[in-house]
Structure formats: C-alpha cells, structure tokens
Amino acid sequence: MNTSVFQFGEIKPEYPVRVLNERVVRAAAGILFVFALVSFMNAWLMGNFFPTKVFVSAFLIEFTIRIFINPKYAPVMILAQWLVKGQQPEYTGAPQKRFAWAIGFILAVTMFYLVVLKSVIGPINIIVCAACLTLMFFETSFGICIGCKIYNLFNKAQAQLCPGNSCDINVEKQNNINKHQLAVLVLFIVVVAAIFNYFSGDSSEPTLSAAPDEAINKEVDAKEAERCKVPDFAKAMGHEEKWKLHNNCK
C-alpha cells in the first residue's frame, strides 16, 4: 500500500480506483456546515463579519491541505476520522471527490479574497456562501455529492464507487415515492404555508418615527452620509436595512 504523504486517496487492491472513507467525508462536511452556518448567521443577522473571516480562512487552509497534500492530514478530516472511528468504513471513489473539493477550494479562495482581504459586502458574498452551505448540506445530510455529479458531465470516465452505490442504481425503479406519500408531502407543505401566513399576518411591527433631517445632518457629517448611502442593488433586493446593519450605518 502506498503510504506517501503527498497523495489523494488510499490504494486498496480490491478497488479499481483510489478511495476515501465516505463516513469520514460526510462527518467532515457536517462539522464544516455547522461552523459555516454559525458564521453566516452572525454576518446576516448581527452584521458581525469576524466569525466569517475566521471560518473562511480556516476553510481555505483545510481544502488546501486536502487537495494539494493529503486529505488524511486535513484538520477537520482528522477530527471526523476520530468521531466515526467506531463505524465500518464505506469506501468511495477519490477522483470525483477531488473534483468536488476543487469546487469548494475555488469558492474558498473567492470568499477569502472578498471577505478577508477586501472586506467586500454585497450579494456576491451571499451567493457564494449559499453555494457552500448547499454543497455541504447535501453531502452531510443525504450523502449526495453535487460536485461529483458535475464531475460526470466533464469526464468520459464516469465516477466509480459512489455513496450508497448510487452510480449503479436505477433510480426509476428504486426508492420512488408512491402517490399516497406524495399526497402527504403536499398536504404538509400546504399546512405549513397556512400557518406561516396566519402568524405573519398577525404580527405587527412597531413603527419608529423618523428623525428630522436637521437632527440627522447634525449627527452625521457629509462623508459618513455618503458612505451610508444605500446602493441601488440593495434597494432592488429589498435589502436596505440589512445593508445598513452590515455596514454599521444607522
């Protein structure tokens, strides 16, 4: 067995390609998802970008080690390996995982440049964060590697050893929901939507009186007023108050 430090995946004679332990991969995705969600909510709800900067930096280090050195030495993968040490390994193909993680690496580099180096605040951050959260959520919750599916679109050699043998299963003949299950699902969505409408219509937000223009002009100088001018994209998104919160504007 090849034990080189610089390698991606393990070589096992019973498998045709290098492999990774899917249980470790999913556990690592779950750990990252929790911290990503916490940092995102701190930025979105409280305008505190410090957790996001720390997480993005750590995320970039993690994926740099995974891709360019060895997943076995990536810190979160090490923690995940320890957490699932009592479980039977489930081996999946490494080539498609490397492609999927390359997508995560590109997103990490983008966020590091925008959030950590440039302190950019805008819709691009939300889009990239949402993409990262979606990829990690599907990986850890459902064992669905979206990046691996994209891998198949660009490679003639299709992915092998997919989680849950999904590469070999005929989806049309297995695990389909029946019409009764579908009816229950639709009814549940309708009920939840009705509850949402009931409580959203019942809540009444207190209206704050606007301060006179003279008072604002006294408190905020011209430079600060220009800095806190809400951009058009935020207005178009209905994002005025969030934009002010994120930019520490009153």
Protein backbone atom coordinates (compact mmCIF):
# COMPACT_ATOMS: atom_id res chain seq x y z
CA MET A 1 0.00 0.00 0.00
CA ASN A 2 1.31 3.46 -0.92
CA THR A 3 1.93 5.49 2.23
CA SER A 4 3.31 8.68 0.66
CA VAL A 5 2.43 11.90 2.48
CA PHE A 6 1.56 13.65 -0.78
CA GLN A 7 -1.28 11.60 -2.22
CA PHE A 8 -5.02 11.79 -2.67
CA GLY A 9 -6.95 8.76 -1.52
CA GLU A 10 -5.88 5.28 -0.50
CA ILE A 11 -4.85 2.48 -2.80
CA LYS A 12 -6.67 -0.74 -1.97
CA PRO A 13 -6.21 -3.81 -4.17
CA GLU A 14 -9.91 -4.72 -4.10
CA TYR A 15 -10.95 -1.41 -5.68
CA PRO A 16 -10.15 -0.17 -9.22
CA VAL A 17 -9.53 3.45 -8.18
CA ARG A 18 -8.15 5.31 -5.18
CA VAL A 19 -10.72 5.56 -2.42
CA LEU A 20 -11.77 7.69 0.54
CA ASN A 21 -13.81 6.71 3.58
CA GLU A 22 -17.24 8.21 2.87
CA ARG A 23 -18.17 8.17 6.55
CA VAL A 24 -15.22 10.46 7.33
CA VAL A 25 -16.04 12.70 4.37
CA ARG A 26 -19.66 13.15 5.46
CA ALA A 27 -18.69 13.77 9.08
CA ALA A 28 -16.19 16.43 7.97
CA ALA A 29 -18.86 18.08 5.80
CA GLY A 30 -21.21 18.17 8.80
CA ILE A 31 -18.59 19.83 11.01
CA LEU A 32 -17.86 22.48 8.39
CA PHE A 33 -21.57 23.03 7.75
CA VAL A 34 -22.24 23.86 11.43
CA PHE A 35 -19.46 26.45 11.62
CA ALA A 36 -20.33 27.87 8.20
CA LEU A 37 -23.96 28.32 9.25
CA VAL A 38 -22.99 30.00 12.54
CA SER A 39 -20.65 32.44 10.81
CA PHE A 40 -23.18 33.18 8.07
CA MET A 41 -25.98 33.90 10.55
CA ASN A 42 -23.70 36.16 12.60
CA ALA A 43 -22.97 38.18 9.47
CA TRP A 44 -26.56 38.18 8.19
CA LEU A 45 -28.44 38.88 11.42
CA MET A 46 -25.92 40.83 13.51
CA GLY A 47 -23.61 42.40 10.94
CA ASN A 48 -20.65 40.71 12.65
CA PHE A 49 -18.21 39.50 9.97
CA PHE A 50 -15.43 38.45 12.35
CA PRO A 51 -16.64 34.79 12.58
CA THR A 52 -16.97 34.69 8.79
CA LYS A 53 -13.39 35.86 8.27
CA VAL A 54 -12.08 33.26 10.72
CA PHE A 55 -14.15 30.46 9.16
CA VAL A 56 -13.22 31.35 5.57
CA SER A 57 -9.51 31.37 6.48
CA ALA A 58 -9.81 28.00 8.22
CA PHE A 59 -11.89 26.60 5.34
CA LEU A 60 -9.24 27.63 2.81
CA ILE A 61 -6.45 26.03 4.86
CA GLU A 62 -8.49 22.82 5.21
CA PHE A 63 -9.16 22.46 1.49
CA THR A 64 -5.62 23.43 0.50
CA ILE A 65 -4.31 20.53 2.59
CA ARG A 66 -6.99 18.16 1.29
CA ILE A 67 -6.28 18.82 -2.38
CA PHE A 68 -2.58 19.61 -2.56
CA ILE A 69 -1.15 17.48 0.27
CA ASN A 70 -3.34 14.66 1.60
CA PRO A 71 -6.90 14.52 3.00
CA LYS A 72 -5.58 12.38 5.88
CA TYR A 73 -3.70 15.42 7.21
CA ALA A 74 -6.51 17.97 6.86
CA PRO A 75 -7.52 19.05 10.41
CA VAL A 76 -11.29 18.67 10.01
CA MET A 77 -10.84 15.30 8.31
CA ILE A 78 -8.69 14.17 11.25
CA LEU A 79 -11.41 15.20 13.71
CA ALA A 80 -14.07 13.50 11.59
CA GLN A 81 -11.99 10.31 11.42
CA TRP A 82 -11.80 10.23 15.20
CA LEU A 83 -15.56 10.82 15.56
CA VAL A 84 -16.50 7.90 13.29
CA LYS A 85 -13.68 5.56 14.32
CA GLY A 86 -16.20 3.05 15.66
CA GLN A 87 -18.05 2.73 12.34
CA GLN A 88 -17.40 0.35 9.46
CA PRO A 89 -15.65 2.27 6.64
CA GLU A 90 -17.59 2.80 3.41
CA TYR A 91 -15.17 3.44 0.57
CA THR A 92 -16.00 5.70 -2.37
CA GLY A 93 -14.02 6.80 -5.39
CA ALA A 94 -11.45 9.54 -4.74
CA PRO A 95 -11.22 11.10 -8.27
CA GLN A 96 -14.73 12.59 -8.19
CA LYS A 97 -14.22 13.80 -4.61
CA ARG A 98 -11.09 15.66 -5.64
CA PHE A 99 -13.05 17.38 -8.41
CA ALA A 100 -15.85 18.26 -5.98
CA TRP A 101 -13.41 19.60 -3.40
CA ALA A 102 -11.72 21.67 -6.12
CA ILE A 103 -15.04 23.47 -6.49
CA GLY A 104 -15.03 24.08 -2.72
CA PHE A 105 -11.44 25.34 -2.96
CA ILE A 106 -12.39 27.86 -5.66
CA LEU A 107 -15.29 29.10 -3.54
CA ALA A 108 -12.96 29.36 -0.54
CA VAL A 109 -10.39 31.41 -2.50
CA THR A 110 -13.17 33.68 -3.76
CA MET A 111 -14.54 34.27 -0.27
CA PHE A 112 -11.05 34.78 1.18
CA TYR A 113 -10.33 37.50 -1.37
CA LEU A 114 -13.72 39.21 -1.00
CA VAL A 115 -14.36 38.92 2.75
CA VAL A 116 -10.92 38.63 4.38
CA LEU A 117 -8.68 40.71 2.10
CA LYS A 118 -11.09 43.27 0.63
CA SER A 119 -13.93 43.33 3.19
CA VAL A 120 -16.44 43.41 0.34
CA ILE A 121 -20.09 43.35 1.41
CA GLY A 122 -22.76 42.59 -1.16
CA PRO A 123 -24.88 40.00 -2.94
CA ILE A 124 -21.87 38.10 -4.31
CA ASN A 125 -20.97 37.08 -0.75
CA ILE A 126 -24.47 35.77 -0.15
CA ILE A 127 -24.42 33.76 -3.38
CA VAL A 128 -21.03 32.16 -2.64
CA CYS A 129 -21.97 31.41 0.99
CA ALA A 130 -25.28 29.91 -0.08
CA ALA A 131 -23.46 27.71 -2.62
CA CYS A 132 -21.03 26.45 0.05
CA LEU A 133 -23.83 25.75 2.53
CA THR A 134 -25.85 23.90 -0.11
CA LEU A 135 -22.93 21.68 -1.14
CA MET A 136 -22.05 20.80 2.46
CA PHE A 137 -25.69 20.27 3.50
CA PHE A 138 -26.38 17.80 0.68
CA GLU A 139 -23.11 15.98 1.40
CA THR A 140 -23.62 15.53 5.13
CA SER A 141 -27.42 15.10 5.21
CA PHE A 142 -28.15 12.98 2.15
CA GLY A 143 -24.75 11.64 1.08
CA ILE A 144 -25.28 13.45 -2.24
CA CYS A 145 -22.07 14.89 -3.67
CA ILE A 146 -23.25 17.58 -6.09
CA GLY A 147 -19.68 18.22 -7.24
CA CYS A 148 -19.34 14.52 -8.06
CA LYS A 149 -22.38 14.72 -10.32
CA ILE A 150 -20.81 17.71 -12.09
CA TYR A 151 -17.66 15.58 -12.44
CA ASN A 152 -19.58 13.13 -14.62
CA LEU A 153 -20.53 15.93 -17.01
CA PHE A 154 -16.89 16.72 -17.81
CA ASN A 155 -15.26 13.29 -17.69
CA LYS A 156 -15.70 10.36 -20.06
CA ALA A 157 -14.57 8.03 -17.27
CA GLN A 158 -17.64 8.20 -15.05
CA ALA A 159 -17.41 8.22 -11.27
CA GLN A 160 -16.99 4.84 -9.62
CA LEU A 161 -17.79 3.62 -6.11
CA CYS A 162 -20.41 6.28 -5.38
CA PRO A 163 -22.01 6.59 -1.89
CA GLY A 164 -24.85 4.12 -1.45
CA ASN A 165 -23.94 2.52 -4.82
CA SER A 166 -25.82 5.41 -6.45
CA CYS A 167 -23.70 5.03 -9.60
CA ASP A 168 -25.23 1.61 -10.25
CA ILE A 169 -28.80 2.02 -9.00
CA ASN A 170 -31.66 2.54 -11.44
CA VAL A 171 -33.37 5.49 -9.76
CA GLU A 172 -36.57 4.98 -11.73
CA LYS A 173 -37.08 1.53 -10.20
CA GLN A 174 -35.84 2.06 -6.66
CA ASN A 175 -36.73 4.34 -3.78
CA ASN A 176 -39.52 6.10 -5.66
CA ILE A 177 -42.29 7.60 -3.53
CA ASN A 178 -45.87 6.48 -4.18
CA LYS A 179 -48.89 8.70 -4.74
CA HIS A 180 -50.04 8.42 -1.11
CA GLN A 181 -46.67 9.61 0.18
CA LEU A 182 -46.72 12.45 -2.34
CA ALA A 183 -50.18 13.49 -1.14
CA VAL A 184 -48.98 13.59 2.48
CA LEU A 185 -45.98 15.69 1.48
CA VAL A 186 -48.11 18.19 -0.46
CA LEU A 187 -50.63 18.42 2.40
CA PHE A 188 -47.82 19.08 4.88
CA ILE A 189 -46.46 21.92 2.73
CA VAL A 190 -49.93 23.47 2.42
CA VAL A 191 -50.47 23.31 6.21
CA VAL A 192 -47.08 24.86 6.98
CA ALA A 193 -47.74 27.61 4.40
CA ALA A 194 -51.11 28.34 6.01
CA ILE A 195 -49.51 28.53 9.49
CA PHE A 196 -46.85 30.88 8.11
CA ASN A 197 -49.47 33.17 6.55
CA TYR A 198 -51.52 33.20 9.75
CA PHE A 199 -48.70 34.26 12.02
CA SER A 200 -47.06 36.62 9.54
CA GLY A 201 -50.37 38.47 9.08
CA ASP A 202 -50.97 38.58 12.83
CA SER A 203 -47.64 40.16 13.75
CA SER A 204 -47.46 43.91 13.86
CA GLU A 205 -44.15 45.71 13.87
CA PRO A 206 -43.92 48.94 15.84
CA THR A 207 -43.35 51.91 13.62
CA LEU A 208 -40.43 54.13 14.54
CA SER A 209 -40.77 57.83 13.86
CA ALA A 210 -38.16 59.16 11.50
CA ALA A 211 -35.73 61.69 12.88
CA PRO A 212 -35.92 65.18 11.37
CA ASP A 213 -33.46 65.91 8.59
CA GLU A 214 -31.90 68.67 10.69
CA ALA A 215 -31.05 66.24 13.51
CA ILE A 216 -29.53 63.73 11.10
CA ASN A 217 -27.42 66.41 9.46
CA LYS A 218 -26.09 67.43 12.85
CA GLU A 219 -25.15 63.88 13.87
CA VAL A 220 -23.72 62.61 10.62
CA ASP A 221 -21.16 64.52 8.60
CA ALA A 222 -21.18 64.58 4.82
CA LYS A 223 -18.56 61.84 4.46
CA GLU A 224 -20.44 59.43 6.70
CA ALA A 225 -23.70 60.20 4.94
CA GLU A 226 -22.12 59.36 1.60
CA ARG A 227 -20.65 56.12 2.98
CA CYS A 228 -24.05 55.06 4.31
CA LYS A 229 -25.91 55.78 1.10
CA VAL A 230 -27.75 52.56 0.24
CA PRO A 231 -26.66 51.27 -3.21
CA ASP A 232 -29.20 50.51 -5.90
CA PHE A 233 -28.64 46.73 -5.80
CA ALA A 234 -29.58 46.65 -2.10
CA LYS A 235 -32.74 48.65 -2.79
CA ALA A 236 -33.68 46.34 -5.65
CA MET A 237 -33.33 43.33 -3.32
CA GLY A 238 -35.32 44.96 -0.53
CA HIS A 239 -32.06 44.76 1.38
CA GLU A 240 -31.81 48.33 2.71
CA GLU A 241 -31.97 47.58 6.42
CA LYS A 242 -29.65 44.57 6.18
CA TRP A 243 -27.18 46.62 4.14
CA LYS A 244 -27.18 49.32 6.81
CA LEU A 245 -26.70 46.73 9.52
CA HIS A 246 -23.83 45.05 7.67
CA ASN A 247 -22.12 48.39 7.05
CA ASN A 248 -22.71 49.72 10.57
CA CYS A 249 -24.97 52.52 9.39
CA LYS A 250 -27.93 53.94 11.30
